[in-house]
Amino acid sequence: MRKSFYLEKYLMDNDILTKDQALNLMVERIKKGPIFEEVALKMNFIDQHSLLQILKLKYHFKGLSAEEIALHNKMIDKEQMAKIRDEILEHLPRAETILEKSSNVDKNVLEEAVKKTDGRIDEIDKRGADLKRIKTFSKLSQRDLFDLADLAVCKSFGKGEKIIEDGGQADHFYFLTKGDVKVTKPNEDHEKPDIFITTISSPEIFGESSIFEEEKRKAHVVAENDVEVYQFDRMDFLAFLNSHLEASLPILLDIVQRLLKRIGDTNRELAFERKDFVDQSSVDDLLEQLLP
């Protein structure tokens, strides 16, 4: 759900507004907000001459919007159009301003809803700023970043706590926002310590192989110190990729590159420690199962 309509979502989810009432509120806000021509001109994407052309064509072709005319006649490109739409949504009249003049929502209920949604939006913006610290998400638009951050569940772990357990269900991946974790594999000899594979430090993602497969986890991931993560549900993330196609390709390409790099790094670490900890057959076995 876009940030601009977060209050409507809250009111609808909590049965304070019906779906039709929430949609009507969105439409009213859009109608009262800035128009395409005004914003495009203000952002210097079109000049006065282009504006006159758009208005003339709009008059003659009444079924077409100004946006369609500008795009079709190559007065603006798709990237500029996305920026214009974001600017329009950013400057819509606030939903509570309109609701205060209606009888749809009790005043006290509305005040509480505004307080909760404003707090939630601040939280999501902070998470988005954290996610942008790594290359995987660094080039997402503010709109896409907000929608992704909205899926995150914050979790904390103390030193020694398992975040991922070998053999567990692979239905989440994690963004490590604070601390360090180590990846280990249970030793076949239960009297011996787990076999160390690698260390991952923040900011970084881990457990991301779950995006591509539904198999059981193949290693432990354990907190080395006080750790904070954002947990992402696999199905929620796949739904995000499906509904944010421009964001999905660069995200998936980067994740694949990270997985390949981690395989290479782990291979080198295991090769270095092979003679001291495990025999050749154990290492080869581990390399087939190295990703959590």
Foldseek 3Di string as FASTA:
>chain_A
DFLLLLLLVVCCVVVLDPPVRSVVLVVVLLVQWDDLLVLCCVVVLADPVVSVVLVVVCVVCVVDDSVVVCDVVVSHHPVVVVVSVVVRSVGGPHSVVVVVPDPSGDPVVSVVSVVVSVVLQVVLVVQLVLVCVDPLNVPDDPRLSSLVSNQWDKDKDFAFDWPAAFQAWLFKKKFWRAAKKWKFAQDPPNVDDTHTQGMDGPRDIASVVSLVDGGGALIIIGTRGITMIIMGGNVSVVVSCVVCVVSNPSNVVVVVVVVVVSLVVRLVVCVVCAVPPHDPVVSVVCSVRVGD
